[in-house]
Amino acid sequence: MDLKIFGQVIREKRNALHLKQEELSIQSGVAIKTIHSIEMGKGNPAIKTILRIFEILELDFIVVSAKSL
């Protein structure tokens, strides 16, 4: 999985929902530094973390994973 594309998808969806990273952090319970790292294509987030973010952004893991391949 290409983490840069994965992070780009997260960032684009967050922006489409007019959410700031801080708002996503509060709603998902994921640290803002972690969200920033994911969006930059860095780090190796746990599945649990990804699923929390996806829930707030209403993203489907299968679809995003396919885009990132």
N, C-alpha and C. Protein backbone atom coordinates (compact mmCIF):
# COMPACT_ATOMS: atom_id res chain seq x y z
N MET A 1 0.84 -1.17 0.00
CA MET A 1 0.00 0.00 0.00
C MET A 1 0.89 1.24 0.00
N ASP A 2 0.61 2.18 -0.86
CA ASP A 2 1.35 3.43 -0.94
C ASP A 2 0.81 4.37 0.13
N LEU A 3 1.61 4.63 1.16
CA LEU A 3 1.15 5.44 2.29
C LEU A 3 0.91 6.90 1.91
N LYS A 4 1.62 7.39 0.90
CA LYS A 4 1.39 8.78 0.48
C LYS A 4 0.02 8.93 -0.17
N ILE A 5 -0.35 7.99 -1.02
CA ILE A 5 -1.68 8.04 -1.64
C ILE A 5 -2.75 7.82 -0.59
N PHE A 6 -2.50 6.88 0.32
CA PHE A 6 -3.43 6.61 1.41
C PHE A 6 -3.68 7.89 2.22
N GLY A 7 -2.61 8.58 2.58
CA GLY A 7 -2.73 9.83 3.34
C GLY A 7 -3.43 10.91 2.55
N GLN A 8 -3.19 10.95 1.26
CA GLN A 8 -3.84 11.93 0.39
C GLN A 8 -5.35 11.71 0.37
N VAL A 9 -5.77 10.46 0.31
CA VAL A 9 -7.21 10.14 0.31
C VAL A 9 -7.84 10.61 1.62
N ILE A 10 -7.16 10.36 2.73
CA ILE A 10 -7.66 10.80 4.04
C ILE A 10 -7.80 12.32 4.06
N ARG A 11 -6.76 13.02 3.64
CA ARG A 11 -6.76 14.49 3.65
C ARG A 11 -7.87 15.05 2.75
N GLU A 12 -8.01 14.48 1.55
CA GLU A 12 -9.03 14.97 0.62
C GLU A 12 -10.44 14.79 1.18
N LYS A 13 -10.69 13.65 1.79
CA LYS A 13 -12.02 13.39 2.36
C LYS A 13 -12.27 14.31 3.55
N ARG A 14 -11.26 14.51 4.39
CA ARG A 14 -11.40 15.41 5.54
C ARG A 14 -11.71 16.83 5.06
N ASN A 15 -11.00 17.27 4.05
CA ASN A 15 -11.24 18.61 3.51
C ASN A 15 -12.61 18.72 2.86
N ALA A 16 -13.05 17.67 2.18
CA ALA A 16 -14.38 17.67 1.55
C ALA A 16 -15.48 17.80 2.60
N LEU A 17 -15.22 17.29 3.80
CA LEU A 17 -16.19 17.41 4.90
C LEU A 17 -16.00 18.69 5.71
N HIS A 18 -15.06 19.52 5.27
CA HIS A 18 -14.74 20.80 5.93
C HIS A 18 -14.34 20.60 7.39
N LEU A 19 -13.54 19.57 7.62
CA LEU A 19 -13.02 19.29 8.96
C LEU A 19 -11.56 19.68 9.03
N LYS A 20 -11.17 20.29 10.11
CA LYS A 20 -9.77 20.55 10.37
C LYS A 20 -9.18 19.31 11.02
N GLN A 21 -7.87 19.18 10.97
CA GLN A 21 -7.23 18.03 11.61
C GLN A 21 -7.60 17.95 13.08
N GLU A 22 -7.66 19.08 13.73
CA GLU A 22 -8.00 19.13 15.16
C GLU A 22 -9.41 18.57 15.40
N GLU A 23 -10.35 18.94 14.53
CA GLU A 23 -11.72 18.45 14.68
C GLU A 23 -11.79 16.94 14.47
N LEU A 24 -11.07 16.45 13.47
CA LEU A 24 -11.03 15.02 13.23
C LEU A 24 -10.40 14.31 14.42
N SER A 25 -9.37 14.90 14.98
CA SER A 25 -8.71 14.33 16.15
C SER A 25 -9.68 14.18 17.31
N ILE A 26 -10.42 15.22 17.59
CA ILE A 26 -11.38 15.21 18.70
C ILE A 26 -12.47 14.17 18.46
N GLN A 27 -13.02 14.17 17.26
CA GLN A 27 -14.13 13.27 16.95
C GLN A 27 -13.71 11.80 16.92
N SER A 28 -12.49 11.54 16.47
CA SER A 28 -12.04 10.15 16.32
C SER A 28 -11.30 9.64 17.55
N GLY A 29 -10.82 10.55 18.38
CA GLY A 29 -10.02 10.14 19.52
C GLY A 29 -8.59 9.78 19.15
N VAL A 30 -8.17 10.18 17.95
CA VAL A 30 -6.82 9.92 17.45
C VAL A 30 -6.01 11.21 17.60
N ALA A 31 -4.81 11.09 18.11
CA ALA A 31 -3.95 12.27 18.32
C ALA A 31 -3.74 13.04 17.01
N ILE A 32 -3.75 14.36 17.12
CA ILE A 32 -3.59 15.20 15.94
C ILE A 32 -2.24 14.92 15.25
N LYS A 33 -1.20 14.64 16.01
CA LYS A 33 0.12 14.31 15.42
C LYS A 33 0.02 13.05 14.57
N THR A 34 -0.78 12.10 15.02
CA THR A 34 -0.96 10.86 14.26
C THR A 34 -1.69 11.13 12.96
N ILE A 35 -2.74 11.94 13.03
CA ILE A 35 -3.49 12.29 11.82
C ILE A 35 -2.58 13.01 10.83
N HIS A 36 -1.79 13.94 11.33
CA HIS A 36 -0.86 14.67 10.48
C HIS A 36 0.12 13.71 9.81
N SER A 37 0.67 12.79 10.58
CA SER A 37 1.63 11.81 10.03
C SER A 37 0.99 10.95 8.95
N ILE A 38 -0.23 10.50 9.21
CA ILE A 38 -0.94 9.67 8.23
C ILE A 38 -1.14 10.45 6.94
N GLU A 39 -1.59 11.69 7.06
CA GLU A 39 -1.84 12.51 5.87
C GLU A 39 -0.56 12.83 5.11
N MET A 40 0.56 12.83 5.79
CA MET A 40 1.85 13.07 5.14
C MET A 40 2.45 11.79 4.56
N GLY A 41 1.77 10.67 4.77
CA GLY A 41 2.26 9.40 4.24
C GLY A 41 3.38 8.80 5.06
N LYS A 42 3.44 9.18 6.34
CA LYS A 42 4.51 8.70 7.21
C LYS A 42 3.93 7.82 8.31
N GLY A 43 4.79 7.10 8.96
CA GLY A 43 4.38 6.27 10.07
C GLY A 43 3.72 4.98 9.62
N ASN A 44 3.28 4.21 10.59
CA ASN A 44 2.64 2.94 10.33
C ASN A 44 1.46 2.82 11.29
N PRO A 45 0.33 3.49 10.98
CA PRO A 45 -0.79 3.51 11.92
C PRO A 45 -1.42 2.13 12.12
N ALA A 46 -1.85 1.89 13.33
CA ALA A 46 -2.54 0.64 13.66
C ALA A 46 -3.89 0.61 12.95
N ILE A 47 -4.35 -0.57 12.66
CA ILE A 47 -5.66 -0.75 12.01
C ILE A 47 -6.75 -0.08 12.84
N LYS A 48 -6.66 -0.21 14.15
CA LYS A 48 -7.65 0.40 15.06
C LYS A 48 -7.72 1.91 14.84
N THR A 49 -6.57 2.53 14.67
CA THR A 49 -6.50 3.97 14.44
C THR A 49 -7.13 4.32 13.10
N ILE A 50 -6.79 3.57 12.08
CA ILE A 50 -7.34 3.82 10.75
C ILE A 50 -8.85 3.69 10.76
N LEU A 51 -9.35 2.66 11.43
CA LEU A 51 -10.80 2.44 11.47
C LEU A 51 -11.54 3.55 12.20
N ARG A 52 -10.94 4.11 13.24
CA ARG A 52 -11.56 5.25 13.94
C ARG A 52 -11.69 6.45 13.01
N ILE A 53 -10.63 6.72 12.26
CA ILE A 53 -10.65 7.84 11.32
C ILE A 53 -11.66 7.58 10.21
N PHE A 54 -11.65 6.37 9.68
CA PHE A 54 -12.58 6.02 8.60
C PHE A 54 -14.03 6.15 9.04
N GLU A 55 -14.31 5.81 10.29
CA GLU A 55 -15.67 5.92 10.79
C GLU A 55 -16.16 7.37 10.73
N ILE A 56 -15.34 8.29 11.17
CA ILE A 56 -15.70 9.72 11.16
C ILE A 56 -15.81 10.24 9.73
N LEU A 57 -14.89 9.83 8.86
CA LEU A 57 -14.87 10.31 7.49
C LEU A 57 -15.81 9.54 6.57
N GLU A 58 -16.44 8.50 7.11
CA GLU A 58 -17.35 7.65 6.33
C GLU A 58 -16.66 7.08 5.09
N LEU A 59 -15.47 6.54 5.33
CA LEU A 59 -14.69 5.91 4.26
C LEU A 59 -14.78 4.40 4.39
N ASP A 60 -14.69 3.72 3.27
CA ASP A 60 -14.69 2.27 3.22
C ASP A 60 -13.26 1.78 3.08
N PHE A 61 -12.81 0.95 3.99
CA PHE A 61 -11.42 0.48 4.00
C PHE A 61 -11.04 -0.22 2.69
N ILE A 62 -11.93 -1.01 2.16
CA ILE A 62 -11.65 -1.75 0.92
C ILE A 62 -11.41 -0.79 -0.24
N VAL A 63 -12.25 0.21 -0.36
CA VAL A 63 -12.14 1.18 -1.47
C VAL A 63 -10.85 1.97 -1.34
N VAL A 64 -10.55 2.47 -0.16
CA VAL A 64 -9.33 3.26 0.03
C VAL A 64 -8.10 2.40 -0.19
N SER A 65 -8.12 1.17 0.29
CA SER A 65 -6.99 0.27 0.09
C SER A 65 -6.74 0.02 -1.38
N ALA A 66 -7.79 -0.15 -2.15
CA ALA A 66 -7.66 -0.38 -3.58
C ALA A 66 -7.03 0.82 -4.29
N LYS A 67 -7.38 2.02 -3.86
CA LYS A 67 -6.81 3.24 -4.45
C LYS A 67 -5.33 3.37 -4.13
N SER A 68 -4.93 2.81 -3.00
CA SER A 68 -3.56 2.95 -2.52
C SER A 68 -2.61 1.91 -3.07
N LEU A 69 -3.11 0.93 -3.80
CA LEU A 69 -2.25 -0.15 -4.30
C LEU A 69 -1.44 0.30 -5.50
